Amino acid sequence: MREKTTAMGAHILVVEDEEKLARFVELELIHEGYEVSKSANGRDALQMAQAGDFDLILLDIMLPGLNGLEVLRRLQLGRPTPVILLTARDAVMDKVAGLDAGAVDYITKPFAIEELLARVRVALKLHGKAERGQPAPQKEEGYRWGKLFLSQKRHQVTYDGKEIALTNREFQMLKILLENQDIVLSRDVLMDKVCGFDYVGETNVVDVYIRFLRSKIDEVYGEKMIQTVRGVGYVIKSNDGE
């Protein structure tokens, strides 16, 4: 006997006019911890899908009111929800038509419930959202500029996934410029923020660190990230490109 999963699942809409099959699938999905809603009519299912917040739809093709492929096409006009087609048809063209219309997968009747559950898990993982009750992945804190990313937590800078070795002051200089994108920072401001207000040393230390950063980023990757504003200081202009 299959053990019930302990994690709460996503909300799944089962659209199937064959009552016994729909009930069987519903019970199996509930047993796995998913929340389930049902519909036996294409038009009703379309209204439910458009009005509700479903993570996945199991959609039969042969339905009264509106066939499954038309329901699928109309769903794609709004906020698309991942759809797995359930169909008794085994023709290649029917499968192609369903995938072209936006389905993420299909399964042909009759099917083993274990296969359907496996396809549900894959679809939710690839196209849906995380299991309910589990925290969503946290976005890493940092600053991005094109392919460059500065991670505050890891105190690391990467370009297209490759780490760039920086000294602590180079890192701090880059961080200050990145968190103030499009703002020209004077040498005095950069000096205070990176070296400290009480720093006593050469006045051109900021220029030296900028030169080091350019040699490790601009010259290596062919970028023009840090720009000089003559008589004022330096700036990194925002760049959302990859």
Protein backbone atom coordinates (compact mmCIF):
# COMPACT_ATOMS: atom_id res chain seq x y z
CA MET A 1 0.00 0.00 0.00
CA ARG A 2 1.44 3.39 -1.00
CA GLU A 3 2.18 5.72 1.91
CA LYS A 4 0.63 9.15 1.93
CA THR A 5 3.02 12.05 1.55
CA THR A 6 3.24 14.43 4.50
CA ALA A 7 3.81 17.64 2.53
CA MET A 8 0.76 19.64 1.53
CA GLY A 9 0.44 19.80 -2.24
CA ALA A 10 -0.54 22.35 -4.81
CA HIS A 11 -4.11 23.11 -5.90
CA ILE A 12 -5.05 20.98 -8.92
CA LEU A 13 -8.12 21.28 -11.14
CA VAL A 14 -9.30 17.93 -12.56
CA VAL A 15 -11.44 18.37 -15.70
CA GLU A 16 -12.95 14.99 -16.62
CA ASP A 17 -16.53 14.08 -17.56
CA GLU A 18 -16.10 10.39 -16.80
CA GLU A 19 -17.36 10.48 -13.22
CA LYS A 20 -15.72 7.31 -11.88
CA LEU A 21 -12.32 8.21 -13.35
CA ALA A 22 -12.56 11.78 -12.07
CA ARG A 23 -13.40 10.55 -8.56
CA PHE A 24 -10.57 8.01 -8.65
CA VAL A 25 -8.01 10.63 -9.72
CA GLU A 26 -9.36 13.05 -7.12
CA LEU A 27 -8.96 10.57 -4.29
CA GLU A 28 -5.44 9.63 -5.37
CA LEU A 29 -4.37 13.26 -5.56
CA ILE A 30 -5.89 14.02 -2.14
CA HIS A 31 -4.11 10.95 -0.77
CA GLU A 32 -0.85 12.48 -2.00
CA GLY A 33 -1.60 15.70 -0.15
CA TYR A 34 -2.88 17.88 -3.00
CA GLU A 35 -5.90 20.16 -2.87
CA VAL A 36 -8.35 19.19 -5.64
CA SER A 37 -11.24 20.84 -7.47
CA LYS A 38 -13.26 19.14 -10.22
CA SER A 39 -15.27 19.99 -13.30
CA ALA A 40 -17.04 17.78 -15.85
CA ASN A 41 -17.83 20.48 -18.42
CA GLY A 42 -15.46 22.43 -20.66
CA ARG A 43 -17.16 25.81 -20.26
CA ASP A 44 -17.45 25.48 -16.49
CA ALA A 45 -13.82 24.38 -16.28
CA LEU A 46 -12.68 27.42 -18.28
CA GLN A 47 -14.54 29.75 -15.91
CA MET A 48 -13.09 28.00 -12.87
CA ALA A 49 -9.57 28.12 -14.26
CA GLN A 50 -9.82 31.81 -15.15
CA ALA A 51 -11.31 32.75 -11.79
CA GLY A 52 -9.28 30.44 -9.55
CA ASP A 53 -5.66 30.15 -8.50
CA PHE A 54 -4.68 26.67 -9.67
CA ASP A 55 -1.13 25.36 -9.81
CA LEU A 56 -1.92 22.64 -12.36
CA ILE A 57 -4.84 21.48 -14.53
CA LEU A 58 -5.50 17.88 -15.57
CA LEU A 59 -7.62 18.35 -18.69
CA ASP A 60 -9.54 15.77 -20.71
CA ILE A 61 -9.82 16.52 -24.44
CA MET A 62 -13.31 15.08 -25.07
CA LEU A 63 -15.60 17.25 -22.94
CA PRO A 64 -19.20 18.50 -23.17
CA GLY A 65 -19.74 22.22 -23.62
CA LEU A 66 -16.24 23.00 -24.89
CA ASN A 67 -13.54 20.53 -25.89
CA GLY A 68 -10.28 20.41 -23.99
CA LEU A 69 -8.13 21.82 -26.77
CA GLU A 70 -10.31 24.92 -27.02
CA VAL A 71 -10.24 25.33 -23.25
CA LEU A 72 -6.46 25.09 -23.42
CA ARG A 73 -6.18 27.67 -26.20
CA ARG A 74 -8.35 30.17 -24.32
CA LEU A 75 -6.39 29.68 -21.11
CA GLN A 76 -3.20 30.68 -22.91
CA LEU A 77 -4.69 34.11 -23.65
CA GLY A 78 -4.62 34.99 -19.96
CA ARG A 79 -2.26 33.96 -17.17
CA PRO A 80 -1.26 30.47 -18.32
CA THR A 81 -1.50 27.57 -15.88
CA PRO A 82 0.43 24.34 -16.54
CA VAL A 83 -1.87 21.79 -18.20
CA ILE A 84 -1.51 18.02 -18.56
CA LEU A 85 -3.90 16.59 -21.14
CA LEU A 86 -5.81 13.41 -20.39
CA THR A 87 -7.01 11.73 -23.55
CA ALA A 88 -8.22 8.39 -24.87
CA ARG A 89 -6.85 9.34 -28.26
CA ASP A 90 -3.49 7.92 -29.20
CA ALA A 91 -3.02 9.70 -32.53
CA VAL A 92 0.23 11.59 -32.94
CA MET A 93 -1.55 14.65 -34.38
CA ASP A 94 -3.78 14.95 -31.32
CA LYS A 95 -0.72 14.94 -29.07
CA VAL A 96 1.05 17.49 -31.27
CA ALA A 97 -2.05 19.70 -31.35
CA GLY A 98 -2.23 19.64 -27.56
CA LEU A 99 1.44 20.49 -27.07
CA ASP A 100 1.27 23.23 -29.70
CA ALA A 101 -1.75 24.69 -27.91
CA GLY A 102 0.30 25.05 -24.73
CA ALA A 103 0.05 21.79 -22.77
CA VAL A 104 3.17 20.91 -20.79
CA ASP A 105 2.51 17.17 -21.01
CA TYR A 106 -0.09 14.56 -21.95
CA ILE A 107 -1.02 11.08 -20.80
CA THR A 108 -3.10 8.56 -22.75
CA LYS A 109 -5.98 6.63 -21.16
CA PRO A 110 -5.96 4.11 -19.70
CA PHE A 111 -2.99 5.08 -17.54
CA ALA A 112 -1.35 3.80 -14.37
CA ILE A 113 -2.00 6.19 -11.49
CA GLU A 114 1.68 6.04 -10.52
CA GLU A 115 2.62 7.42 -13.93
CA LEU A 116 0.07 10.22 -13.66
CA LEU A 117 1.32 11.19 -10.19
CA ALA A 118 4.89 11.21 -11.45
CA ARG A 119 3.95 13.50 -14.34
CA VAL A 120 2.10 15.77 -11.90
CA ARG A 121 5.20 16.07 -9.71
CA VAL A 122 7.42 16.87 -12.69
CA ALA A 123 5.00 19.46 -14.09
CA LEU A 124 4.71 21.21 -10.72
CA LYS A 125 8.45 21.21 -10.28
CA LEU A 126 9.19 22.59 -13.74
CA HIS A 127 6.20 24.84 -14.33
CA GLY A 128 4.25 25.22 -11.11
CA LYS A 129 5.09 26.53 -7.69
CA ALA A 130 6.71 24.93 -4.67
CA GLU A 131 4.82 22.54 -2.43
CA ARG A 132 2.53 24.38 -0.05
CA GLY A 133 3.92 24.52 3.45
CA GLN A 134 7.49 24.69 2.14
CA PRO A 135 9.24 28.07 2.04
CA ALA A 136 9.86 29.50 -1.41
CA PRO A 137 13.52 29.84 -2.38
CA GLN A 138 14.88 33.12 -1.13
CA LYS A 139 16.33 35.45 -3.70
CA GLU A 140 19.98 36.02 -2.94
CA GLU A 141 20.75 39.52 -1.76
CA GLY A 142 23.20 41.41 -3.89
CA TYR A 143 23.60 43.65 -6.90
CA ARG A 144 23.46 42.72 -10.57
CA TRP A 145 24.89 44.57 -13.52
CA GLY A 146 24.49 42.66 -16.78
CA LYS A 147 26.30 39.35 -16.27
CA LEU A 148 28.07 40.59 -13.16
CA PHE A 149 26.66 39.77 -9.73
CA LEU A 150 27.89 40.90 -6.33
CA SER A 151 26.73 38.64 -3.51
CA GLN A 152 26.69 40.30 -0.10
CA LYS A 153 26.10 37.06 1.78
CA ARG A 154 29.00 35.22 0.13
CA HIS A 155 31.15 38.37 -0.19
CA GLN A 156 31.79 37.31 -3.76
CA VAL A 157 31.67 38.82 -7.22
CA THR A 158 31.02 36.71 -10.32
CA TYR A 159 30.75 37.43 -14.02
CA ASP A 160 28.62 34.97 -15.98
CA GLY A 161 29.05 32.56 -13.05
CA LYS A 162 32.85 32.85 -12.90
CA GLU A 163 34.32 34.29 -9.71
CA ILE A 164 36.38 37.48 -9.84
CA ALA A 165 39.06 37.67 -7.14
CA LEU A 166 38.86 41.04 -5.39
CA THR A 167 40.48 42.44 -2.29
CA ASN A 168 38.20 43.62 0.50
CA ARG A 169 38.54 47.29 -0.47
CA GLU A 170 37.99 46.53 -4.16
CA PHE A 171 34.85 44.64 -3.17
CA GLN A 172 33.62 47.53 -1.02
CA MET A 173 34.36 50.06 -3.75
CA LEU A 174 32.40 48.03 -6.31
CA LYS A 175 29.54 47.48 -3.85
CA ILE A 176 29.17 51.22 -3.17
CA LEU A 177 29.11 51.99 -6.88
CA LEU A 178 26.61 49.21 -7.63
CA GLU A 179 24.18 50.18 -4.89
CA ASN A 180 24.26 53.77 -6.18
CA GLN A 181 23.84 53.06 -9.88
CA ASP A 182 23.24 56.17 -12.00
CA ILE A 183 24.51 58.38 -9.16
CA VAL A 184 27.88 60.04 -9.64
CA LEU A 185 29.97 59.60 -6.48
CA SER A 186 32.82 61.93 -5.75
CA ARG A 187 36.26 60.68 -4.79
CA ASP A 188 35.76 62.08 -1.27
CA VAL A 189 32.50 60.16 -0.82
CA LEU A 190 34.07 56.95 -2.07
CA MET A 191 37.10 57.51 0.14
CA ASP A 192 34.94 57.94 3.23
CA LYS A 193 32.73 54.94 2.52
CA VAL A 194 35.52 52.54 1.59
CA CYS A 195 38.49 53.67 3.65
CA GLY A 196 36.72 55.41 6.51
CA PHE A 197 36.38 59.05 7.47
CA ASP A 198 39.59 59.04 9.47
CA TYR A 199 41.70 57.49 6.70
CA VAL A 200 45.05 59.19 6.22
CA GLY A 201 46.82 58.37 2.99
CA GLU A 202 47.29 59.25 -0.65
CA THR A 203 44.43 61.26 -2.15
CA ASN A 204 44.52 59.21 -5.35
CA VAL A 205 43.76 55.90 -3.56
CA VAL A 206 40.25 55.87 -5.08
CA ASP A 207 41.70 56.14 -8.59
CA VAL A 208 44.02 53.25 -7.81
CA TYR A 209 41.15 50.95 -6.72
CA ILE A 210 39.08 51.97 -9.74
CA ARG A 211 42.01 51.08 -11.97
CA PHE A 212 42.32 47.68 -10.27
CA LEU A 213 38.60 47.02 -10.76
CA ARG A 214 38.77 47.95 -14.41
CA SER A 215 41.74 45.67 -14.95
CA LYS A 216 39.85 42.73 -13.40
CA ILE A 217 36.45 43.37 -14.98
CA ASP A 218 36.36 45.84 -17.87
CA GLU A 219 39.59 44.70 -19.50
CA VAL A 220 38.97 40.98 -18.97
CA TYR A 221 35.32 40.89 -20.10
CA GLY A 222 35.29 43.75 -22.57
CA GLU A 223 32.90 45.87 -20.51
CA LYS A 224 32.77 49.59 -19.78
CA MET A 225 31.21 49.34 -16.37
CA ILE A 226 32.81 52.08 -14.27
CA GLN A 227 32.63 55.44 -15.98
CA THR A 228 34.65 58.54 -15.12
CA VAL A 229 32.89 61.87 -14.77
CA ARG A 230 35.71 64.36 -15.16
CA GLY A 231 36.14 66.72 -12.26
CA VAL A 232 33.51 64.91 -10.19
CA GLY A 233 34.10 61.20 -9.64
CA TYR A 234 32.82 57.84 -10.84
CA VAL A 235 29.51 56.19 -11.70
CA ILE A 236 28.11 52.83 -12.78
CA LYS A 237 25.12 53.36 -15.01
CA SER A 238 22.31 50.83 -14.74
CA ASN A 239 22.47 47.92 -17.16
CA ASP A 240 19.65 45.35 -17.26
CA GLY A 241 21.06 43.45 -20.22
CA GLU A 242 22.63 40.02 -20.08
